[in-house]
Amino acid sequence: MKVRIVEPALSNYTGKMYEIGFTDGVSDRDLSAREVEIIGASMKVEDLEGQQVGAGVKHIQNRRVILGDAVKINLDISESVNETVGLETLGELPFGEGIVLADGPSYTREQLESIADDQGIAGLREIAEPMGVTGRSIVELIDRILETQSLILSDSPSS
């Protein structure tokens, strides 16, 4: 598949990048899936039909997020949460609370710290592994789990 660079600074790029030729921001040849992932991991690209592609997109799709609906889903969830707790913006929620994972329970920082106290880093890794989260310390794992929880959206928001 050919790709188009949609990063503003490179959208009209002509030349070679990662040994792939581009003319006016469009690849000169069809790229392998691996090449699309590599390019897409470093900048925003889309196929010639206008669908965003790349490694990050593949990861999000595996998490059941439909990219075209992600903004609408986020707004719907924000409005629902805001109505429930009486806030004007989702950013005012306490860190790690407010959004439930599509594939399982949501944890607060306190719950994760309690699991770490009882089960150590192994207990946190059991929670982190299905989310694709890794870390080298308890603190790092807790932070990454909470961050990932706030990013994962289901394809149909529930009230």
N, C-alpha and C. Protein backbone atom coordinates (compact mmCIF):
# COMPACT_ATOMS: atom_id res chain seq x y z
N MET A 1 0.83 -1.16 0.00
CA MET A 1 0.00 0.00 0.00
C MET A 1 0.89 1.24 0.00
N LYS A 2 0.47 2.23 -0.74
CA LYS A 2 1.15 3.52 -0.70
C LYS A 2 0.61 4.30 0.48
N VAL A 3 1.46 5.16 1.05
CA VAL A 3 1.03 5.99 2.17
C VAL A 3 1.29 7.45 1.86
N ARG A 4 0.54 8.30 2.55
CA ARG A 4 0.69 9.75 2.45
C ARG A 4 1.09 10.26 3.83
N ILE A 5 2.11 11.07 3.89
CA ILE A 5 2.53 11.70 5.15
C ILE A 5 1.56 12.84 5.44
N VAL A 6 0.99 12.83 6.65
CA VAL A 6 0.06 13.90 7.01
C VAL A 6 0.61 14.80 8.12
N GLU A 7 1.83 14.54 8.55
CA GLU A 7 2.49 15.45 9.49
C GLU A 7 2.65 16.79 8.77
N PRO A 8 2.20 17.90 9.37
CA PRO A 8 2.25 19.19 8.69
C PRO A 8 3.63 19.57 8.14
N ALA A 9 4.66 19.32 8.89
CA ALA A 9 6.01 19.72 8.45
C ALA A 9 6.54 18.86 7.31
N LEU A 10 5.98 17.68 7.11
CA LEU A 10 6.50 16.76 6.09
C LEU A 10 5.48 16.39 5.02
N SER A 11 4.31 17.01 5.02
CA SER A 11 3.25 16.60 4.11
C SER A 11 3.61 16.76 2.63
N ASN A 12 4.57 17.60 2.30
CA ASN A 12 4.99 17.78 0.91
C ASN A 12 6.41 17.28 0.68
N TYR A 13 6.89 16.40 1.56
CA TYR A 13 8.28 15.92 1.52
C TYR A 13 8.56 15.16 0.23
N THR A 14 9.70 15.45 -0.37
CA THR A 14 10.20 14.70 -1.53
C THR A 14 11.62 14.29 -1.21
N GLY A 15 11.88 12.98 -1.31
CA GLY A 15 13.20 12.45 -1.01
C GLY A 15 13.08 11.07 -0.39
N LYS A 16 14.18 10.60 0.20
CA LYS A 16 14.18 9.27 0.82
C LYS A 16 14.11 9.39 2.32
N MET A 17 13.31 8.49 2.91
CA MET A 17 13.20 8.38 4.34
C MET A 17 13.07 6.90 4.65
N TYR A 18 13.94 6.39 5.53
CA TYR A 18 13.95 4.96 5.85
C TYR A 18 14.11 4.11 4.58
N GLU A 19 14.90 4.60 3.66
CA GLU A 19 15.15 3.94 2.38
C GLU A 19 13.89 3.82 1.52
N ILE A 20 12.90 4.66 1.78
CA ILE A 20 11.66 4.67 1.02
C ILE A 20 11.55 6.03 0.34
N GLY A 21 11.33 6.02 -0.96
CA GLY A 21 11.20 7.27 -1.70
C GLY A 21 9.82 7.88 -1.55
N PHE A 22 9.79 9.21 -1.41
CA PHE A 22 8.54 9.95 -1.31
C PHE A 22 8.56 11.10 -2.30
N THR A 23 7.41 11.39 -2.91
CA THR A 23 7.25 12.55 -3.78
C THR A 23 6.01 13.29 -3.32
N ASP A 24 6.18 14.55 -2.97
CA ASP A 24 5.09 15.37 -2.45
C ASP A 24 4.34 14.68 -1.31
N GLY A 25 5.08 13.99 -0.43
CA GLY A 25 4.49 13.37 0.74
C GLY A 25 3.86 12.01 0.52
N VAL A 26 3.92 11.47 -0.71
CA VAL A 26 3.34 10.16 -1.02
C VAL A 26 4.46 9.19 -1.38
N SER A 27 4.38 7.99 -0.83
CA SER A 27 5.43 7.00 -1.12
C SER A 27 5.42 6.67 -2.62
N ASP A 28 6.61 6.44 -3.15
CA ASP A 28 6.75 6.16 -4.58
C ASP A 28 6.34 4.74 -4.95
N ARG A 29 6.27 3.87 -3.96
CA ARG A 29 5.93 2.46 -4.23
C ARG A 29 5.04 1.94 -3.11
N ASP A 30 4.46 0.76 -3.36
CA ASP A 30 3.70 0.10 -2.30
C ASP A 30 4.66 -0.35 -1.21
N LEU A 31 4.26 -0.17 0.03
CA LEU A 31 5.10 -0.53 1.17
C LEU A 31 4.60 -1.83 1.79
N SER A 32 5.53 -2.57 2.37
CA SER A 32 5.15 -3.77 3.12
C SER A 32 4.49 -3.34 4.42
N ALA A 33 3.79 -4.28 5.04
CA ALA A 33 3.15 -3.98 6.33
C ALA A 33 4.18 -3.50 7.34
N ARG A 34 5.34 -4.11 7.35
CA ARG A 34 6.42 -3.74 8.28
C ARG A 34 6.89 -2.30 8.03
N GLU A 35 7.05 -1.94 6.76
CA GLU A 35 7.48 -0.57 6.44
C GLU A 35 6.43 0.45 6.86
N VAL A 36 5.15 0.11 6.68
CA VAL A 36 4.07 1.00 7.10
C VAL A 36 4.12 1.20 8.61
N GLU A 37 4.36 0.11 9.36
CA GLU A 37 4.46 0.21 10.81
C GLU A 37 5.63 1.09 11.23
N ILE A 38 6.76 0.93 10.57
CA ILE A 38 7.95 1.73 10.91
C ILE A 38 7.70 3.21 10.64
N ILE A 39 7.21 3.53 9.46
CA ILE A 39 6.93 4.93 9.12
C ILE A 39 5.86 5.48 10.06
N GLY A 40 4.80 4.68 10.26
CA GLY A 40 3.68 5.13 11.10
C GLY A 40 4.04 5.29 12.56
N ALA A 41 5.11 4.62 13.01
CA ALA A 41 5.54 4.77 14.39
C ALA A 41 6.26 6.10 14.61
N SER A 42 6.80 6.67 13.56
CA SER A 42 7.57 7.90 13.72
C SER A 42 6.83 9.16 13.30
N MET A 43 5.74 9.00 12.56
CA MET A 43 4.97 10.16 12.13
C MET A 43 3.57 9.73 11.71
N LYS A 44 2.68 10.67 11.61
CA LYS A 44 1.31 10.37 11.21
C LYS A 44 1.26 10.18 9.70
N VAL A 45 0.79 8.99 9.29
CA VAL A 45 0.63 8.67 7.87
C VAL A 45 -0.74 8.03 7.66
N GLU A 46 -1.22 8.11 6.43
CA GLU A 46 -2.49 7.47 6.09
C GLU A 46 -2.36 6.81 4.73
N ASP A 47 -3.25 5.85 4.48
CA ASP A 47 -3.25 5.24 3.15
C ASP A 47 -3.89 6.23 2.19
N LEU A 48 -3.90 5.91 0.90
CA LEU A 48 -4.40 6.86 -0.08
C LEU A 48 -5.92 7.03 -0.02
N GLU A 49 -6.57 6.18 0.77
CA GLU A 49 -8.02 6.33 0.98
C GLU A 49 -8.33 7.21 2.18
N GLY A 50 -7.28 7.68 2.88
CA GLY A 50 -7.47 8.59 3.98
C GLY A 50 -7.55 7.96 5.36
N GLN A 51 -7.28 6.65 5.47
CA GLN A 51 -7.31 5.97 6.77
C GLN A 51 -5.92 6.00 7.38
N GLN A 52 -5.83 6.45 8.65
CA GLN A 52 -4.54 6.48 9.33
C GLN A 52 -4.01 5.07 9.49
N VAL A 53 -2.72 4.87 9.25
CA VAL A 53 -2.07 3.56 9.35
C VAL A 53 -0.77 3.69 10.12
N GLY A 54 -0.24 2.56 10.57
CA GLY A 54 1.03 2.55 11.28
C GLY A 54 0.97 1.68 12.52
N ALA A 55 2.10 1.55 13.20
CA ALA A 55 2.20 0.68 14.37
C ALA A 55 1.25 1.09 15.48
N GLY A 56 1.16 2.37 15.78
CA GLY A 56 0.27 2.84 16.83
C GLY A 56 -1.19 2.56 16.50
N VAL A 57 -1.54 2.73 15.24
CA VAL A 57 -2.91 2.47 14.81
C VAL A 57 -3.24 1.00 14.98
N LYS A 58 -2.31 0.14 14.62
CA LYS A 58 -2.53 -1.31 14.76
C LYS A 58 -2.75 -1.66 16.24
N HIS A 59 -1.95 -1.06 17.13
CA HIS A 59 -2.10 -1.32 18.57
C HIS A 59 -3.48 -0.87 19.05
N ILE A 60 -3.91 0.30 18.62
CA ILE A 60 -5.22 0.81 19.03
C ILE A 60 -6.33 -0.08 18.49
N GLN A 61 -6.20 -0.53 17.25
CA GLN A 61 -7.22 -1.41 16.68
C GLN A 61 -7.29 -2.72 17.45
N ASN A 62 -6.15 -3.22 17.90
CA ASN A 62 -6.16 -4.44 18.70
C ASN A 62 -6.87 -4.23 20.02
N ARG A 63 -6.93 -2.99 20.48
CA ARG A 63 -7.63 -2.64 21.72
C ARG A 63 -9.09 -2.31 21.46
N ARG A 64 -9.55 -2.54 20.25
CA ARG A 64 -10.95 -2.36 19.84
C ARG A 64 -11.38 -0.90 19.80
N VAL A 65 -10.47 0.01 19.50
CA VAL A 65 -10.84 1.40 19.33
C VAL A 65 -10.96 1.66 17.84
N ILE A 66 -12.08 2.21 17.43
CA ILE A 66 -12.28 2.57 16.04
C ILE A 66 -11.82 4.02 15.91
N LEU A 67 -10.75 4.24 15.16
CA LEU A 67 -10.12 5.56 15.13
C LEU A 67 -11.04 6.66 14.67
N GLY A 68 -11.86 6.38 13.67
CA GLY A 68 -12.76 7.41 13.18
C GLY A 68 -13.76 7.87 14.23
N ASP A 69 -14.06 7.00 15.18
CA ASP A 69 -15.04 7.32 16.23
C ASP A 69 -14.38 7.71 17.55
N ALA A 70 -13.06 7.67 17.64
CA ALA A 70 -12.39 7.88 18.92
C ALA A 70 -12.71 9.24 19.53
N VAL A 71 -12.73 10.29 18.73
CA VAL A 71 -13.02 11.62 19.27
C VAL A 71 -14.45 11.67 19.77
N LYS A 72 -15.40 11.14 18.99
CA LYS A 72 -16.80 11.14 19.41
C LYS A 72 -16.98 10.32 20.69
N ILE A 73 -16.35 9.15 20.75
CA ILE A 73 -16.44 8.31 21.94
C ILE A 73 -15.90 9.07 23.15
N ASN A 74 -14.75 9.71 22.97
CA ASN A 74 -14.13 10.45 24.06
C ASN A 74 -15.07 11.57 24.55
N LEU A 75 -15.68 12.29 23.61
CA LEU A 75 -16.60 13.36 24.00
C LEU A 75 -17.83 12.80 24.71
N ASP A 76 -18.38 11.68 24.20
CA ASP A 76 -19.54 11.06 24.84
C ASP A 76 -19.20 10.63 26.26
N ILE A 77 -18.05 10.00 26.44
CA ILE A 77 -17.64 9.55 27.77
C ILE A 77 -17.42 10.75 28.67
N SER A 78 -16.76 11.78 28.15
CA SER A 78 -16.51 12.99 28.94
C SER A 78 -17.81 13.59 29.42
N GLU A 79 -18.78 13.71 28.50
CA GLU A 79 -20.06 14.29 28.89
C GLU A 79 -20.76 13.44 29.93
N SER A 80 -20.73 12.12 29.74
CA SER A 80 -21.38 11.21 30.69
C SER A 80 -20.73 11.32 32.07
N VAL A 81 -19.41 11.30 32.11
CA VAL A 81 -18.69 11.40 33.38
C VAL A 81 -18.94 12.76 34.01
N ASN A 82 -18.90 13.80 33.20
CA ASN A 82 -19.11 15.14 33.72
C ASN A 82 -20.50 15.29 34.34
N GLU A 83 -21.51 14.71 33.69
CA GLU A 83 -22.87 14.76 34.24
C GLU A 83 -22.92 14.01 35.56
N THR A 84 -22.25 12.86 35.62
CA THR A 84 -22.29 12.03 36.82
C THR A 84 -21.62 12.72 38.00
N VAL A 85 -20.48 13.33 37.78
CA VAL A 85 -19.73 13.91 38.90
C VAL A 85 -19.80 15.44 38.96
N GLY A 86 -20.50 16.05 38.00
CA GLY A 86 -20.70 17.49 38.03
C GLY A 86 -19.47 18.30 37.70
N LEU A 87 -18.62 17.79 36.83
CA LEU A 87 -17.42 18.53 36.44
C LEU A 87 -17.61 19.10 35.04
N GLU A 88 -16.86 20.17 34.75
CA GLU A 88 -16.96 20.75 33.42
C GLU A 88 -16.02 20.10 32.43
N THR A 89 -14.88 19.58 32.91
CA THR A 89 -13.94 18.94 32.01
C THR A 89 -13.48 17.62 32.60
N LEU A 90 -13.16 16.67 31.72
CA LEU A 90 -12.67 15.37 32.16
C LEU A 90 -11.33 15.51 32.88
N GLY A 91 -10.55 16.53 32.54
CA GLY A 91 -9.25 16.72 33.15
C GLY A 91 -9.29 16.99 34.64
N GLU A 92 -10.46 17.32 35.17
CA GLU A 92 -10.56 17.60 36.60
C GLU A 92 -10.76 16.34 37.43
N LEU A 93 -10.91 15.19 36.79
CA LEU A 93 -11.07 13.94 37.54
C LEU A 93 -9.77 13.57 38.23
N PRO A 94 -9.84 12.93 39.39
CA PRO A 94 -8.62 12.44 40.03
C PRO A 94 -7.89 11.47 39.11
N PHE A 95 -6.56 11.52 39.09
CA PHE A 95 -5.76 10.66 38.22
C PHE A 95 -6.09 9.19 38.42
N GLY A 96 -6.36 8.49 37.30
CA GLY A 96 -6.60 7.05 37.37
C GLY A 96 -8.04 6.67 37.66
N GLU A 97 -8.96 7.63 37.68
CA GLU A 97 -10.35 7.30 37.94
C GLU A 97 -11.21 7.83 36.80
N GLY A 98 -12.38 7.21 36.61
CA GLY A 98 -13.37 7.79 35.71
C GLY A 98 -13.61 7.03 34.43
N ILE A 99 -12.67 6.27 33.93
CA ILE A 99 -12.89 5.53 32.69
C ILE A 99 -12.66 4.06 32.97
N VAL A 100 -13.61 3.24 32.56
CA VAL A 100 -13.51 1.80 32.79
C VAL A 100 -12.93 1.14 31.55
N LEU A 101 -12.02 0.24 31.74
CA LEU A 101 -11.40 -0.48 30.63
C LEU A 101 -12.42 -1.30 29.88
N ALA A 102 -12.21 -1.44 28.56
CA ALA A 102 -13.10 -2.25 27.74
C ALA A 102 -12.96 -3.72 28.11
N ASP A 103 -11.78 -4.16 28.51
CA ASP A 103 -11.52 -5.58 28.72
C ASP A 103 -11.48 -6.00 30.18
N GLY A 104 -11.81 -5.15 31.12
CA GLY A 104 -11.72 -5.58 32.50
C GLY A 104 -11.91 -4.43 33.47
N PRO A 105 -11.59 -4.69 34.71
CA PRO A 105 -11.82 -3.68 35.75
C PRO A 105 -10.87 -2.50 35.63
N SER A 106 -11.26 -1.42 36.23
CA SER A 106 -10.43 -0.23 36.33
C SER A 106 -9.90 -0.15 37.75
N TYR A 107 -8.67 0.29 37.90
CA TYR A 107 -8.02 0.35 39.22
C TYR A 107 -7.67 1.78 39.56
N THR A 108 -7.76 2.12 40.82
CA THR A 108 -7.28 3.41 41.31
C THR A 108 -5.83 3.24 41.75
N ARG A 109 -5.15 4.34 41.95
CA ARG A 109 -3.77 4.28 42.44
C ARG A 109 -3.71 3.53 43.77
N GLU A 110 -4.65 3.80 44.64
CA GLU A 110 -4.65 3.16 45.96
C GLU A 110 -4.82 1.64 45.84
N GLN A 111 -5.70 1.20 44.95
CA GLN A 111 -5.89 -0.24 44.74
C GLN A 111 -4.62 -0.89 44.21
N LEU A 112 -3.97 -0.24 43.27
CA LEU A 112 -2.73 -0.78 42.70
C LEU A 112 -1.62 -0.82 43.75
N GLU A 113 -1.54 0.21 44.58
CA GLU A 113 -0.53 0.21 45.64
C GLU A 113 -0.79 -0.91 46.64
N SER A 114 -2.06 -1.18 46.93
CA SER A 114 -2.40 -2.28 47.83
C SER A 114 -2.02 -3.63 47.23
N ILE A 115 -2.27 -3.80 45.94
CA ILE A 115 -1.88 -5.04 45.25
C ILE A 115 -0.36 -5.19 45.30
N ALA A 116 0.36 -4.09 45.08
CA ALA A 116 1.83 -4.13 45.13
C ALA A 116 2.30 -4.52 46.53
N ASP A 117 1.65 -4.00 47.58
CA ASP A 117 2.01 -4.36 48.95
C ASP A 117 1.79 -5.84 49.22
N ASP A 118 0.67 -6.38 48.72
CA ASP A 118 0.32 -7.78 48.98
C ASP A 118 1.07 -8.77 48.09
N GLN A 119 1.18 -8.44 46.78
CA GLN A 119 1.70 -9.41 45.82
C GLN A 119 3.00 -8.99 45.15
N GLY A 120 3.43 -7.78 45.41
CA GLY A 120 4.67 -7.30 44.80
C GLY A 120 4.49 -6.95 43.34
N ILE A 121 5.62 -6.82 42.65
CA ILE A 121 5.60 -6.43 41.24
C ILE A 121 4.92 -7.49 40.38
N ALA A 122 4.96 -8.76 40.81
CA ALA A 122 4.31 -9.84 40.05
C ALA A 122 2.81 -9.62 39.96
N GLY A 123 2.19 -9.16 41.04
CA GLY A 123 0.76 -8.88 41.02
C GLY A 123 0.41 -7.76 40.06
N LEU A 124 1.24 -6.73 40.02
CA LEU A 124 1.01 -5.63 39.08
C LEU A 124 1.22 -6.08 37.64
N ARG A 125 2.20 -6.95 37.43
CA ARG A 125 2.44 -7.44 36.06
C ARG A 125 1.27 -8.25 35.54
N GLU A 126 0.57 -8.96 36.42
CA GLU A 126 -0.62 -9.71 36.00
C GLU A 126 -1.70 -8.75 35.48
N ILE A 127 -1.81 -7.60 36.09
CA ILE A 127 -2.77 -6.60 35.64
C ILE A 127 -2.28 -5.91 34.38
N ALA A 128 -1.00 -5.60 34.33
CA ALA A 128 -0.42 -4.82 33.23
C ALA A 128 -0.31 -5.61 31.93
N GLU A 129 -0.03 -6.89 32.02
CA GLU A 129 0.24 -7.70 30.83
C GLU A 129 -0.90 -7.68 29.81
N PRO A 130 -2.17 -7.87 30.18
CA PRO A 130 -3.23 -7.82 29.18
C PRO A 130 -3.39 -6.46 28.50
N MET A 131 -2.91 -5.41 29.17
CA MET A 131 -2.98 -4.06 28.61
C MET A 131 -1.80 -3.76 27.70
N GLY A 132 -0.82 -4.65 27.68
CA GLY A 132 0.39 -4.40 26.90
C GLY A 132 1.33 -3.43 27.60
N VAL A 133 1.20 -3.33 28.92
CA VAL A 133 2.00 -2.38 29.71
C VAL A 133 3.18 -3.13 30.34
N THR A 134 4.34 -2.51 30.30
CA THR A 134 5.52 -3.07 30.95
C THR A 134 6.17 -1.99 31.80
N GLY A 135 6.98 -2.42 32.74
CA GLY A 135 7.70 -1.47 33.58
C GLY A 135 8.75 -2.19 34.40
N ARG A 136 9.75 -1.46 34.85
CA ARG A 136 10.85 -2.06 35.59
C ARG A 136 10.74 -1.88 37.09
N SER A 137 9.75 -1.11 37.51
CA SER A 137 9.59 -0.89 38.95
C SER A 137 8.11 -0.82 39.28
N ILE A 138 7.80 -0.95 40.56
CA ILE A 138 6.41 -0.87 41.00
C ILE A 138 5.82 0.50 40.66
N VAL A 139 6.56 1.55 40.96
CA VAL A 139 6.08 2.91 40.70
C VAL A 139 5.83 3.11 39.21
N GLU A 140 6.77 2.67 38.39
CA GLU A 140 6.63 2.82 36.94
C GLU A 140 5.43 2.03 36.43
N LEU A 141 5.24 0.80 36.92
CA LEU A 141 4.09 0.00 36.48
C LEU A 141 2.77 0.65 36.89
N ILE A 142 2.67 1.13 38.10
CA ILE A 142 1.43 1.77 38.55
C ILE A 142 1.12 2.98 37.67
N ASP A 143 2.12 3.83 37.43
CA ASP A 143 1.91 5.02 36.60
C ASP A 143 1.46 4.63 35.19
N ARG A 144 2.10 3.62 34.61
CA ARG A 144 1.76 3.21 33.24
C ARG A 144 0.38 2.53 33.17
N ILE A 145 0.02 1.76 34.18
CA ILE A 145 -1.31 1.14 34.20
C ILE A 145 -2.38 2.23 34.25
N LEU A 146 -2.20 3.20 35.14
CA LEU A 146 -3.17 4.28 35.26
C LEU A 146 -3.26 5.10 33.97
N GLU A 147 -2.12 5.36 33.36
CA GLU A 147 -2.11 6.11 32.10
C GLU A 147 -2.82 5.33 31.00
N THR A 148 -2.54 4.04 30.91
CA THR A 148 -3.15 3.20 29.88
C THR A 148 -4.65 3.08 30.10
N GLN A 149 -5.08 2.95 31.33
CA GLN A 149 -6.51 2.88 31.63
C GLN A 149 -7.24 4.10 31.11
N SER A 150 -6.62 5.26 31.21
CA SER A 150 -7.28 6.48 30.78
C SER A 150 -7.29 6.62 29.26
N LEU A 151 -6.49 5.82 28.55
CA LEU A 151 -6.43 5.91 27.08
C LEU A 151 -7.27 4.86 26.37
N ILE A 152 -7.53 3.74 27.01
CA ILE A 152 -8.23 2.64 26.35
C ILE A 152 -9.73 2.92 26.38
N LEU A 153 -10.32 2.90 25.21
CA LEU A 153 -11.77 3.13 25.09
C LEU A 153 -12.41 1.93 24.42
N SER A 154 -13.62 1.58 24.81
CA SER A 154 -14.33 0.51 24.11
C SER A 154 -14.95 1.09 22.85
N ASP A 155 -15.33 0.22 21.89
CA ASP A 155 -15.92 0.77 20.67
C ASP A 155 -17.37 1.18 20.86
N SER A 156 -17.98 0.87 21.97
CA SER A 156 -19.32 1.39 22.25
C SER A 156 -19.37 1.86 23.70
N PRO A 157 -19.38 3.18 23.92
CA PRO A 157 -19.35 3.69 25.28
C PRO A 157 -20.61 3.27 26.03
N SER A 158 -20.42 2.94 27.32
CA SER A 158 -21.56 2.58 28.15
C SER A 158 -21.77 3.65 29.20
N SER A 159 -23.00 3.82 29.59
CA SER A 159 -23.31 4.85 30.58
C SER A 159 -23.29 4.28 31.95
